[in-house]
Amino acid sequence: MLESEKLAIAAHLHVLLRRKTGRVTDTEWMSVNAEYAQEIIRIARRSAAEDGHADLAEWAGKLEGALGLGEARSPERRDRAGRASAGPSSGFAHSVPPVDSAPPEELPRYVRGIR
């Protein structure tokens, strides 16, 4: 399934949860992080059972199917590119610069002017 389709399902579930339960979710994170998506699916199903919102259970099932969470999963995790990773990832590992990458002192503070 395309990433855009997963995101669309997550967005639809987000809107339903916001309207029916007041809960705000992160749609992009829901479409790429299995642990977060499983928790949102659990919340949606619980709300569907307790408050009678059948459409929440339907869209939770769609998200579960789109992300492949319904079948037995191996403990190996996959990142966004589909590569296997050793353990849980916060998603921020690529945004942290290496410790030894401090800029040289001779570079100007601003490359161009600020407005």
PDB file of N, CA and C in Angstrom:
ATOM      1  N   MET A   1       0.849  -1.172   0.000  1.00  0.00           N
ATOM      2  CA  MET A   1       0.000   0.000   0.000  1.00  0.00           C
ATOM      3  C   MET A   1       0.897   1.239   0.000  1.00  0.00           C
ATOM      4  N   LEU A   2       0.493   2.237  -0.726  1.00  0.00           N
ATOM      5  CA  LEU A   2       1.250   3.485  -0.810  1.00  0.00           C
ATOM      6  C   LEU A   2       1.245   4.232   0.517  1.00  0.00           C
ATOM      7  N   GLU A   3       2.319   4.969   0.753  1.00  0.00           N
ATOM      8  CA  GLU A   3       2.413   5.775   1.979  1.00  0.00           C
ATOM      9  C   GLU A   3       1.268   6.785   2.053  1.00  0.00           C
ATOM     10  N   SER A   4       0.893   7.349   0.905  1.00  0.00           N
ATOM     11  CA  SER A   4      -0.186   8.336   0.887  1.00  0.00           C
ATOM     12  C   SER A   4      -1.522   7.712   1.297  1.00  0.00           C
ATOM     13  N   GLU A   5      -1.734   6.448   0.937  1.00  0.00           N
ATOM     14  CA  GLU A   5      -2.965   5.764   1.329  1.00  0.00           C
ATOM     15  C   GLU A   5      -2.981   5.490   2.832  1.00  0.00           C
ATOM     16  N   LYS A   6      -1.840   5.099   3.382  1.00  0.00           N
ATOM     17  CA  LYS A   6      -1.747   4.879   4.829  1.00  0.00           C
ATOM     18  C   LYS A   6      -2.005   6.188   5.570  1.00  0.00           C
ATOM     19  N   LEU A   7      -1.426   7.266   5.059  1.00  0.00           N
ATOM     20  CA  LEU A   7      -1.601   8.573   5.687  1.00  0.00           C
ATOM     21  C   LEU A   7      -3.062   9.016   5.603  1.00  0.00           C
ATOM     22  N   ALA A   8      -3.717   8.737   4.491  1.00  0.00           N
ATOM     23  CA  ALA A   8      -5.125   9.105   4.338  1.00  0.00           C
ATOM     24  C   ALA A   8      -6.004   8.359   5.338  1.00  0.00           C
ATOM     25  N   ILE A   9      -5.735   7.085   5.539  1.00  0.00           N
ATOM     26  CA  ILE A   9      -6.505   6.308   6.519  1.00  0.00           C
ATOM     27  C   ILE A   9      -6.249   6.841   7.923  1.00  0.00           C
ATOM     28  N   ALA A  10      -4.975   7.128   8.235  1.00  0.00           N
ATOM     29  CA  ALA A  10      -4.642   7.680   9.549  1.00  0.00           C
ATOM     30  C   ALA A  10      -5.318   9.034   9.758  1.00  0.00           C
ATOM     31  N   ALA A  11      -5.369   9.846   8.714  1.00  0.00           N
ATOM     32  CA  ALA A  11      -6.010  11.162   8.822  1.00  0.00           C
ATOM     33  C   ALA A  11      -7.509  11.022   9.067  1.00  0.00           C
ATOM     34  N   HIS A  12      -8.129  10.071   8.391  1.00  0.00           N
ATOM     35  CA  HIS A  12      -9.561   9.861   8.594  1.00  0.00           C
ATOM     36  C   HIS A  12      -9.846   9.394  10.026  1.00  0.00           C
ATOM     37  N   LEU A  13      -9.027   8.487  10.516  1.00  0.00           N
ATOM     38  CA  LEU A  13      -9.188   8.027  11.896  1.00  0.00           C
ATOM     39  C   LEU A  13      -8.939   9.169  12.877  1.00  0.00           C
ATOM     40  N   HIS A  14      -7.969  10.015  12.575  1.00  0.00           N
ATOM     41  CA  HIS A  14      -7.681  11.184  13.412  1.00  0.00           C
ATOM     42  C   HIS A  14      -8.914  12.083  13.525  1.00  0.00           C
ATOM     43  N   VAL A  15      -9.555  12.365  12.387  1.00  0.00           N
ATOM     44  CA  VAL A  15     -10.733  13.240  12.381  1.00  0.00           C
ATOM     45  C   VAL A  15     -11.865  12.611  13.187  1.00  0.00           C
ATOM     46  N   LEU A  16     -12.087  11.326  13.016  1.00  0.00           N
ATOM     47  CA  LEU A  16     -13.139  10.643  13.776  1.00  0.00           C
ATOM     48  C   LEU A  16     -12.866  10.700  15.280  1.00  0.00           C
ATOM     49  N   LEU A  17     -11.627  10.410  15.667  1.00  0.00           N
ATOM     50  CA  LEU A  17     -11.278  10.451  17.098  1.00  0.00           C
ATOM     51  C   LEU A  17     -11.439  11.860  17.655  1.00  0.00           C
ATOM     52  N   ARG A  18     -11.058  12.855  16.882  1.00  0.00           N
ATOM     53  CA  ARG A  18     -11.165  14.245  17.343  1.00  0.00           C
ATOM     54  C   ARG A  18     -12.622  14.638  17.527  1.00  0.00           C
ATOM     55  N   ARG A  19     -13.470  14.275  16.575  1.00  0.00           N
ATOM     56  CA  ARG A  19     -14.882  14.649  16.642  1.00  0.00           C
ATOM     57  C   ARG A  19     -15.648  13.888  17.710  1.00  0.00           C
ATOM     58  N   LYS A  20     -15.355  12.604  17.852  1.00  0.00           N
ATOM     59  CA  LYS A  20     -16.169  11.766  18.728  1.00  0.00           C
ATOM     60  C   LYS A  20     -15.638  11.649  20.155  1.00  0.00           C
ATOM     61  N   THR A  21     -14.316  11.772  20.316  1.00  0.00           N
ATOM     62  CA  THR A  21     -13.755  11.594  21.657  1.00  0.00           C
ATOM     63  C   THR A  21     -12.975  12.800  22.149  1.00  0.00           C
ATOM     64  N   GLY A  22     -12.665  13.740  21.247  1.00  0.00           N
ATOM     65  CA  GLY A  22     -11.869  14.896  21.634  1.00  0.00           C
ATOM     66  C   GLY A  22     -10.378  14.617  21.661  1.00  0.00           C
ATOM     67  N   ARG A  23      -9.978  13.439  21.247  1.00  0.00           N
ATOM     68  CA  ARG A  23      -8.558  13.058  21.270  1.00  0.00           C
ATOM     69  C   ARG A  23      -7.861  13.547  20.012  1.00  0.00           C
ATOM     70  N   VAL A  24      -6.689  14.155  20.189  1.00  0.00           N
ATOM     71  CA  VAL A  24      -5.885  14.632  19.069  1.00  0.00           C
ATOM     72  C   VAL A  24      -4.716  13.673  18.879  1.00  0.00           C
ATOM     73  N   THR A  25      -4.468  13.294  17.635  1.00  0.00           N
ATOM     74  CA  THR A  25      -3.403  12.337  17.322  1.00  0.00           C
ATOM     75  C   THR A  25      -2.455  12.933  16.289  1.00  0.00           C
ATOM     76  N   ASP A  26      -1.344  12.275  16.086  1.00  0.00           N
ATOM     77  CA  ASP A  26      -0.361  12.674  15.080  1.00  0.00           C
ATOM     78  C   ASP A  26      -0.516  11.722  13.897  1.00  0.00           C
ATOM     79  N   THR A  27      -1.114  12.197  12.824  1.00  0.00           N
ATOM     80  CA  THR A  27      -1.441  11.322  11.707  1.00  0.00           C
ATOM     81  C   THR A  27      -0.205  10.785  10.994  1.00  0.00           C
ATOM     82  N   GLU A  28       0.802  11.626  10.799  1.00  0.00           N
ATOM     83  CA  GLU A  28       1.991  11.150  10.094  1.00  0.00           C
ATOM     84  C   GLU A  28       2.712  10.083  10.907  1.00  0.00           C
ATOM     85  N   TRP A  29       2.852  10.307  12.200  1.00  0.00           N
ATOM     86  CA  TRP A  29       3.524   9.333  13.064  1.00  0.00           C
ATOM     87  C   TRP A  29       2.716   8.043  13.128  1.00  0.00           C
ATOM     88  N   MET A  30       1.391   8.178  13.118  1.00  0.00           N
ATOM     89  CA  MET A  30       0.528   7.003  13.162  1.00  0.00           C
ATOM     90  C   MET A  30       0.723   6.136  11.913  1.00  0.00           C
ATOM     91  N   SER A  31       0.998   6.768  10.773  1.00  0.00           N
ATOM     92  CA  SER A  31       1.118   6.005   9.536  1.00  0.00           C
ATOM     93  C   SER A  31       2.477   5.326   9.373  1.00  0.00           C
ATOM     94  N   VAL A  32       3.475   5.688  10.213  1.00  0.00           N
ATOM     95  CA  VAL A  32       4.810   5.088  10.053  1.00  0.00           C
ATOM     96  C   VAL A  32       5.316   4.348  11.292  1.00  0.00           C
ATOM     97  N   ASN A  33       4.717   4.571  12.457  1.00  0.00           N
ATOM     98  CA  ASN A  33       5.196   3.953  13.685  1.00  0.00           C
ATOM     99  C   ASN A  33       4.184   2.926  14.178  1.00  0.00           C
ATOM    100  N   ALA A  34       4.569   1.663  14.156  1.00  0.00           N
ATOM    101  CA  ALA A  34       3.652   0.574  14.485  1.00  0.00           C
ATOM    102  C   ALA A  34       3.166   0.624  15.936  1.00  0.00           C
ATOM    103  N   GLU A  35       4.052   0.949  16.875  1.00  0.00           N
ATOM    104  CA  GLU A  35       3.653   0.973  18.292  1.00  0.00           C
ATOM    105  C   GLU A  35       2.609   2.061  18.548  1.00  0.00           C
ATOM    106  N   TYR A  36       2.841   3.244  17.965  1.00  0.00           N
ATOM    107  CA  TYR A  36       1.889   4.343  18.126  1.00  0.00           C
ATOM    108  C   TYR A  36       0.557   3.981  17.470  1.00  0.00           C
ATOM    109  N   ALA A  37       0.623   3.416  16.268  1.00  0.00           N
ATOM    110  CA  ALA A  37      -0.601   3.042  15.564  1.00  0.00           C
ATOM    111  C   ALA A  37      -1.388   1.996  16.347  1.00  0.00           C
ATOM    112  N   GLN A  38      -0.708   1.021  16.931  1.00  0.00           N
ATOM    113  CA  GLN A  38      -1.403  -0.005  17.717  1.00  0.00           C
ATOM    114  C   GLN A  38      -2.121   0.609  18.914  1.00  0.00           C
ATOM    115  N   GLU A  39      -1.492   1.579  19.543  1.00  0.00           N
ATOM    116  CA  GLU A  39      -2.128   2.229  20.691  1.00  0.00           C
ATOM    117  C   GLU A  39      -3.350   3.035  20.256  1.00  0.00           C
ATOM    118  N   ILE A  40      -3.249   3.743  19.142  1.00  0.00           N
ATOM    119  CA  ILE A  40      -4.389   4.504  18.634  1.00  0.00           C
ATOM    120  C   ILE A  40      -5.516   3.556  18.226  1.00  0.00           C
ATOM    121  N   ILE A  41      -5.175   2.428  17.622  1.00  0.00           N
ATOM    122  CA  ILE A  41      -6.176   1.425  17.248  1.00  0.00           C
ATOM    123  C   ILE A  41      -6.873   0.896  18.498  1.00  0.00           C
ATOM    124  N   ARG A  42      -6.096   0.633  19.554  1.00  0.00           N
ATOM    125  CA  ARG A  42      -6.683   0.153  20.809  1.00  0.00           C
ATOM    126  C   ARG A  42      -7.649   1.181  21.386  1.00  0.00           C
ATOM    127  N   ILE A  43      -7.250   2.446  21.375  1.00  0.00           N
ATOM    128  CA  ILE A  43      -8.099   3.528  21.894  1.00  0.00           C
ATOM    129  C   ILE A  43      -9.376   3.644  21.068  1.00  0.00           C
ATOM    130  N   ALA A  44      -9.243   3.585  19.750  1.00  0.00           N
ATOM    131  CA  ALA A  44     -10.410   3.706  18.871  1.00  0.00           C
ATOM    132  C   ALA A  44     -11.384   2.551  19.102  1.00  0.00           C
ATOM    133  N   ARG A  45     -10.856   1.354  19.224  1.00  0.00           N
ATOM    134  CA  ARG A  45     -11.738   0.191  19.446  1.00  0.00           C
ATOM    135  C   ARG A  45     -12.408   0.243  20.813  1.00  0.00           C
ATOM    136  N   ARG A  46     -11.668   0.694  21.825  1.00  0.00           N
ATOM    137  CA  ARG A  46     -12.257   0.824  23.156  1.00  0.00           C
ATOM    138  C   ARG A  46     -13.388   1.845  23.139  1.00  0.00           C
ATOM    139  N   SER A  47     -13.156   2.971  22.471  1.00  0.00           N
ATOM    140  CA  SER A  47     -14.184   3.997  22.373  1.00  0.00           C
ATOM    141  C   SER A  47     -15.378   3.504  21.570  1.00  0.00           C
ATOM    142  N   ALA A  48     -15.117   2.714  20.532  1.00  0.00           N
ATOM    143  CA  ALA A  48     -16.206   2.157  19.730  1.00  0.00           C
ATOM    144  C   ALA A  48     -17.070   1.227  20.576  1.00  0.00           C
ATOM    145  N   ALA A  49     -16.428   0.427  21.410  1.00  0.00           N
ATOM    146  CA  ALA A  49     -17.170  -0.512  22.248  1.00  0.00           C
ATOM    147  C   ALA A  49     -17.930   0.200  23.372  1.00  0.00           C
ATOM    148  N   GLU A  50     -17.283   1.177  24.007  1.00  0.00           N
ATOM    149  CA  GLU A  50     -17.895   1.853  25.148  1.00  0.00           C
ATOM    150  C   GLU A  50     -18.974   2.850  24.738  1.00  0.00           C
ATOM    151  N   ASP A  51     -18.720   3.605  23.664  1.00  0.00           N
ATOM    152  CA  ASP A  51     -19.619   4.698  23.288  1.00  0.00           C
ATOM    153  C   ASP A  51     -20.469   4.400  22.066  1.00  0.00           C
ATOM    154  N   GLY A  52     -20.285   3.238  21.468  1.00  0.00           N
ATOM    155  CA  GLY A  52     -21.109   2.845  20.335  1.00  0.00           C
ATOM    156  C   GLY A  52     -20.756   3.518  19.021  1.00  0.00           C
ATOM    157  N   HIS A  53     -19.513   3.902  18.828  1.00  0.00           N
ATOM    158  CA  HIS A  53     -19.086   4.527  17.580  1.00  0.00           C
ATOM    159  C   HIS A  53     -18.542   3.446  16.645  1.00  0.00           C
ATOM    160  N   ALA A  54     -19.411   2.846  15.864  1.00  0.00           N
ATOM    161  CA  ALA A  54     -19.025   1.732  14.998  1.00  0.00           C
ATOM    162  C   ALA A  54     -18.013   2.158  13.937  1.00  0.00           C
ATOM    163  N   ASP A  55     -18.096   3.412  13.483  1.00  0.00           N
ATOM    164  CA  ASP A  55     -17.168   3.864  12.445  1.00  0.00           C
ATOM    165  C   ASP A  55     -15.733   3.944  12.947  1.00  0.00           C
ATOM    166  N   LEU A  56     -15.543   4.157  14.249  1.00  0.00           N
ATOM    167  CA  LEU A  56     -14.190   4.146  14.809  1.00  0.00           C
ATOM    168  C   LEU A  56     -13.577   2.750  14.698  1.00  0.00           C
ATOM    169  N   ALA A  57     -14.363   1.743  15.003  1.00  0.00           N
ATOM    170  CA  ALA A  57     -13.859   0.364  14.898  1.00  0.00           C
ATOM    171  C   ALA A  57     -13.563   0.005  13.445  1.00  0.00           C
ATOM    172  N   GLU A  58     -14.417   0.471  12.534  1.00  0.00           N
ATOM    173  CA  GLU A  58     -14.202   0.194  11.106  1.00  0.00           C
ATOM    174  C   GLU A  58     -12.882   0.806  10.622  1.00  0.00           C
ATOM    175  N   TRP A  59     -12.631   2.074  10.949  1.00  0.00           N
ATOM    176  CA  TRP A  59     -11.411   2.741  10.480  1.00  0.00           C
ATOM    177  C   TRP A  59     -10.178   2.254  11.228  1.00  0.00           C
ATOM    178  N   ALA A  60     -10.343   1.820  12.473  1.00  0.00           N
ATOM    179  CA  ALA A  60      -9.220   1.214  13.187  1.00  0.00           C
ATOM    180  C   ALA A  60      -8.807  -0.069  12.487  1.00  0.00           C
ATOM    181  N   GLY A  61      -9.788  -0.838  12.025  1.00  0.00           N
ATOM    182  CA  GLY A  61      -9.497  -2.054  11.272  1.00  0.00           C
ATOM    183  C   GLY A  61      -8.815  -1.768   9.942  1.00  0.00           C
ATOM    184  N   LYS A  62      -9.238  -0.683   9.285  1.00  0.00           N
ATOM    185  CA  LYS A  62      -8.604  -0.307   8.017  1.00  0.00           C
ATOM    186  C   LYS A  62      -7.141   0.081   8.231  1.00  0.00           C
ATOM    187  N   LEU A  63      -6.875   0.835   9.299  1.00  0.00           N
ATOM    188  CA  LEU A  63      -5.498   1.226   9.588  1.00  0.00           C
ATOM    189  C   LEU A  63      -4.661   0.006   9.938  1.00  0.00           C
ATOM    190  N   GLU A  64      -5.223  -0.886  10.723  1.00  0.00           N
ATOM    191  CA  GLU A  64      -4.525  -2.111  11.098  1.00  0.00           C
ATOM    192  C   GLU A  64      -4.169  -2.937   9.861  1.00  0.00           C
ATOM    193  N   GLY A  65      -5.100  -3.026   8.936  1.00  0.00           N
ATOM    194  CA  GLY A  65      -4.843  -3.776   7.708  1.00  0.00           C
ATOM    195  C   GLY A  65      -3.821  -3.083   6.814  1.00  0.00           C
ATOM    196  N   ALA A  66      -3.901  -1.763   6.721  1.00  0.00           N
ATOM    197  CA  ALA A  66      -2.979  -1.005   5.867  1.00  0.00           C
ATOM    198  C   ALA A  66      -1.544  -1.107   6.359  1.00  0.00           C
ATOM    199  N   LEU A  67      -1.376  -1.128   7.670  1.00  0.00           N
ATOM    200  CA  LEU A  67      -0.037  -1.192   8.245  1.00  0.00           C
ATOM    201  C   LEU A  67       0.433  -2.624   8.471  1.00  0.00           C
ATOM    202  N   GLY A  68      -0.434  -3.600   8.228  1.00  0.00           N
ATOM    203  CA  GLY A  68      -0.058  -5.000   8.412  1.00  0.00           C
ATOM    204  C   GLY A  68       0.117  -5.369   9.868  1.00  0.00           C
ATOM    205  N   LEU A  69      -0.695  -4.784  10.732  1.00  0.00           N
ATOM    206  CA  LEU A  69      -0.560  -5.046  12.167  1.00  0.00           C
ATOM    207  C   LEU A  69      -1.419  -6.208  12.638  1.00  0.00           C
ATOM    208  N   GLY A  70      -2.352  -6.657  11.831  1.00  0.00           N
ATOM    209  CA  GLY A  70      -3.253  -7.720  12.249  1.00  0.00           C
ATOM    210  C   GLY A  70      -2.595  -9.086  12.281  1.00  0.00           C
ATOM    211  N   GLU A  71      -1.673  -9.322  11.356  1.00  0.00           N
ATOM    212  CA  GLU A  71      -1.022 -10.630  11.333  1.00  0.00           C
ATOM    213  C   GLU A  71       0.103 -10.685  12.358  1.00  0.00           C
ATOM    214  N   ALA A  72       0.585 -11.870  12.605  1.00  0.00           N
ATOM    215  CA  ALA A  72       1.690 -12.028  13.560  1.00  0.00           C
ATOM    216  C   ALA A  72       2.916 -11.303  13.020  1.00  0.00           C
ATOM    217  N   ARG A  73       3.498 -10.477  13.857  1.00  0.00           N
ATOM    218  CA  ARG A  73       4.653  -9.691  13.441  1.00  0.00           C
ATOM    219  C   ARG A  73       5.905 -10.249  14.090  1.00  0.00           C
ATOM    220  N   SER A  74       6.983 -10.152  13.359  1.00  0.00           N
ATOM    221  CA  SER A  74       8.258 -10.578  13.924  1.00  0.00           C
ATOM    222  C   SER A  74       8.786  -9.474  14.814  1.00  0.00           C
ATOM    223  N   PRO A  75       9.672  -9.789  15.754  1.00  0.00           N
ATOM    224  CA  PRO A  75      10.208  -8.749  16.630  1.00  0.00           C
ATOM    225  C   PRO A  75      11.112  -7.779  15.889  1.00  0.00           C
ATOM    226  N   GLU A  76      11.513  -8.123  14.682  1.00  0.00           N
ATOM    227  CA  GLU A  76      12.366  -7.231  13.907  1.00  0.00           C
ATOM    228  C   GLU A  76      11.535  -6.033  13.443  1.00  0.00           C
ATOM    229  N   ARG A  77      12.064  -4.854  13.626  1.00  0.00           N
ATOM    230  CA  ARG A  77      11.367  -3.643  13.232  1.00  0.00           C
ATOM    231  C   ARG A  77      11.918  -3.142  11.900  1.00  0.00           C
ATOM    232  N   ARG A  78      11.125  -2.395  11.195  1.00  0.00           N
ATOM    233  CA  ARG A  78      11.554  -1.834   9.919  1.00  0.00           C
ATOM    234  C   ARG A  78      11.404  -0.325   9.962  1.00  0.00           C
ATOM    235  N   ASP A  79      12.377   0.362   9.353  1.00  0.00           N
ATOM    236  CA  ASP A  79      12.286   1.813   9.293  1.00  0.00           C
ATOM    237  C   ASP A  79      11.447   2.213   8.091  1.00  0.00           C
ATOM    238  N   ARG A  80      11.341   3.518   7.814  1.00  0.00           N
ATOM    239  CA  ARG A  80      10.482   4.012   6.749  1.00  0.00           C
ATOM    240  C   ARG A  80      10.894   3.489   5.380  1.00  0.00           C
ATOM    241  N   ALA A  81      12.165   3.232   5.179  1.00  0.00           N
ATOM    242  CA  ALA A  81      12.639   2.746   3.889  1.00  0.00           C
ATOM    243  C   ALA A  81      12.478   1.234   3.756  1.00  0.00           C
ATOM    244  N   GLY A  82      12.006   0.554   4.808  1.00  0.00           N
ATOM    245  CA  GLY A  82      11.803  -0.880   4.764  1.00  0.00           C
ATOM    246  C   GLY A  82      13.008  -1.677   5.203  1.00  0.00           C
ATOM    247  N   ARG A  83      14.048  -0.999   5.679  1.00  0.00           N
ATOM    248  CA  ARG A  83      15.241  -1.714   6.141  1.00  0.00           C
ATOM    249  C   ARG A  83      15.013  -2.189   7.572  1.00  0.00           C
ATOM    250  N   ALA A  84      15.564  -3.338   7.903  1.00  0.00           N
ATOM    251  CA  ALA A  84      15.447  -3.868   9.259  1.00  0.00           C
ATOM    252  C   ALA A  84      16.299  -3.032  10.192  1.00  0.00           C
ATOM    253  N   SER A  85      15.779  -2.778  11.393  1.00  0.00           N
ATOM    254  CA  SER A  85      16.543  -2.047  12.394  1.00  0.00           C
ATOM    255  C   SER A  85      16.645  -2.896  13.651  1.00  0.00           C
ATOM    256  N   ALA A  86      17.642  -2.633  14.446  1.00  0.00           N
ATOM    257  CA  ALA A  86      17.939  -3.478  15.602  1.00  0.00           C
ATOM    258  C   ALA A  86      16.910  -3.326  16.714  1.00  0.00           C
ATOM    259  N   GLY A  87      16.415  -2.157  16.951  1.00  0.00           N
ATOM    260  CA  GLY A  87      15.505  -1.965  18.069  1.00  0.00           C
ATOM    261  C   GLY A  87      14.562  -0.823  17.807  1.00  0.00           C
ATOM    262  N   PRO A  88      13.865  -0.382  18.842  1.00  0.00           N
ATOM    263  CA  PRO A  88      12.914   0.702  18.653  1.00  0.00           C
ATOM    264  C   PRO A  88      13.633   1.986  18.254  1.00  0.00           C
ATOM    265  N   SER A  89      13.000   2.716  17.382  1.00  0.00           N
ATOM    266  CA  SER A  89      13.589   3.964  16.910  1.00  0.00           C
ATOM    267  C   SER A  89      12.655   5.105  17.255  1.00  0.00           C
ATOM    268  N   SER A  90      13.222   6.194  17.708  1.00  0.00           N
ATOM    269  CA  SER A  90      12.398   7.349  18.035  1.00  0.00           C
ATOM    270  C   SER A  90      12.070   8.164  16.810  1.00  0.00           C
ATOM    271  N   GLY A  91      12.772   7.943  15.709  1.00  0.00           N
ATOM    272  CA  GLY A  91      12.543   8.712  14.508  1.00  0.00           C
ATOM    273  C   GLY A  91      13.408   9.951  14.423  1.00  0.00           C
ATOM    274  N   PHE A  92      14.203  10.209  15.436  1.00  0.00           N
ATOM    275  CA  PHE A  92      15.022  11.410  15.460  1.00  0.00           C
ATOM    276  C   PHE A  92      16.515  11.116  15.334  1.00  0.00           C
ATOM    277  N   ALA A  93      16.884   9.888  15.115  1.00  0.00           N
ATOM    278  CA  ALA A  93      18.300   9.531  15.066  1.00  0.00           C
ATOM    279  C   ALA A  93      19.024  10.229  13.933  1.00  0.00           C
ATOM    280  N   HIS A  94      18.340  10.472  12.833  1.00  0.00           N
ATOM    281  CA  HIS A  94      18.996  11.090  11.683  1.00  0.00           C
ATOM    282  C   HIS A  94      19.129  12.595  11.837  1.00  0.00           C
ATOM    283  N   SER A  95      18.415  13.204  12.775  1.00  0.00           N
ATOM    284  CA  SER A  95      18.455  14.654  12.907  1.00  0.00           C
ATOM    285  C   SER A  95      19.496  15.135  13.915  1.00  0.00           C
ATOM    286  N   VAL A  96      20.137  14.239  14.615  1.00  0.00           N
ATOM    287  CA  VAL A  96      21.141  14.621  15.609  1.00  0.00           C
ATOM    288  C   VAL A  96      22.512  14.658  14.943  1.00  0.00           C
ATOM    289  N   PRO A  97      23.179  15.823  14.948  1.00  0.00           N
ATOM    290  CA  PRO A  97      24.495  15.888  14.311  1.00  0.00           C
ATOM    291  C   PRO A  97      25.537  15.152  15.144  1.00  0.00           C
ATOM    292  N   PRO A  98      26.577  14.633  14.499  1.00  0.00           N
ATOM    293  CA  PRO A  98      27.646  13.984  15.246  1.00  0.00           C
ATOM    294  C   PRO A  98      28.336  14.982  16.180  1.00  0.00           C
ATOM    295  N   VAL A  99      28.919  14.482  17.241  1.00  0.00           N
ATOM    296  CA  VAL A  99      29.538  15.334  18.242  1.00  0.00           C
ATOM    297  C   VAL A  99      30.718  16.107  17.665  1.00  0.00           C
ATOM    298  N   ASP A 100      31.471  15.497  16.787  1.00  0.00           N
ATOM    299  CA  ASP A 100      32.672  16.141  16.261  1.00  0.00           C
ATOM    300  C   ASP A 100      32.396  17.018  15.040  1.00  0.00           C
ATOM    301  N   SER A 101      31.164  17.379  14.767  1.00  0.00           N
ATOM    302  CA  SER A 101      30.850  18.163  13.581  1.00  0.00           C
ATOM    303  C   SER A 101      30.604  19.632  13.894  1.00  0.00           C
ATOM    304  N   ALA A 102      31.280  20.171  14.893  1.00  0.00           N
ATOM    305  CA  ALA A 102      31.138  21.584  15.231  1.00  0.00           C
ATOM    306  C   ALA A 102      31.662  22.429  14.081  1.00  0.00           C
ATOM    307  N   PRO A 103      30.974  23.533  13.737  1.00  0.00           N
ATOM    308  CA  PRO A 103      31.422  24.360  12.622  1.00  0.00           C
ATOM    309  C   PRO A 103      32.722  25.093  12.968  1.00  0.00           C
ATOM    310  N   PRO A 104      33.563  25.311  11.988  1.00  0.00           N
ATOM    311  CA  PRO A 104      34.787  26.062  12.249  1.00  0.00           C
ATOM    312  C   PRO A 104      34.455  27.490  12.668  1.00  0.00           C
ATOM    313  N   GLU A 105      35.295  28.059  13.461  1.00  0.00           N
ATOM    314  CA  GLU A 105      35.056  29.395  13.999  1.00  0.00           C
ATOM    315  C   GLU A 105      35.113  30.487  12.937  1.00  0.00           C
ATOM    316  N   GLU A 106      35.811  30.247  11.823  1.00  0.00           N
ATOM    317  CA  GLU A 106      35.962  31.295  10.824  1.00  0.00           C
ATOM    318  C   GLU A 106      34.723  31.496   9.952  1.00  0.00           C
ATOM    319  N   LEU A 107      33.738  30.617  10.028  1.00  0.00           N
ATOM    320  CA  LEU A 107      32.530  30.791   9.242  1.00  0.00           C
ATOM    321  C   LEU A 107      31.666  31.888   9.844  1.00  0.00           C
ATOM    322  N   PRO A 108      31.044  32.691   8.995  1.00  0.00           N
ATOM    323  CA  PRO A 108      30.155  33.732   9.538  1.00  0.00           C
ATOM    324  C   PRO A 108      28.940  33.099  10.205  1.00  0.00           C
ATOM    325  N   ARG A 109      28.391  33.797  11.163  1.00  0.00           N
ATOM    326  CA  ARG A 109      27.247  33.257  11.898  1.00  0.00           C
ATOM    327  C   ARG A 109      26.045  33.092  10.973  1.00  0.00           C
ATOM    328  N   TYR A 110      25.789  34.060  10.117  1.00  0.00           N
ATOM    329  CA  TYR A 110      24.676  33.982   9.176  1.00  0.00           C
ATOM    330  C   TYR A 110      25.243  33.994   7.765  1.00  0.00           C
ATOM    331  N   VAL A 111      24.839  33.038   6.966  1.00  0.00           N
ATOM    332  CA  VAL A 111      25.331  32.964   5.600  1.00  0.00           C
ATOM    333  C   VAL A 111      24.811  34.151   4.807  1.00  0.00           C
ATOM    334  N   ARG A 112      23.571  34.458   4.959  1.00  0.00           N
ATOM    335  CA  ARG A 112      22.962  35.627   4.335  1.00  0.00           C
ATOM    336  C   ARG A 112      22.361  36.467   5.445  1.00  0.00           C
ATOM    337  N   GLY A 113      21.942  37.616   5.158  1.00  0.00           N
ATOM    338  CA  GLY A 113      21.365  38.476   6.189  1.00  0.00           C
ATOM    339  C   GLY A 113      20.036  37.953   6.690  1.00  0.00           C
ATOM    340  N   ILE A 114      19.660  38.384   7.847  1.00  0.00           N
ATOM    341  CA  ILE A 114      18.330  38.044   8.361  1.00  0.00           C
ATOM    342  C   ILE A 114      17.452  39.276   8.233  1.00  0.00           C
ATOM    343  N   ARG A 115      16.202  39.083   8.053  1.00  0.00           N
ATOM    344  CA  ARG A 115      15.287  40.199   7.822  1.00  0.00           C
ATOM    345  C   ARG A 115      14.645  40.632   9.091  1.00  0.00           C
TER     346      ARG A 115
END
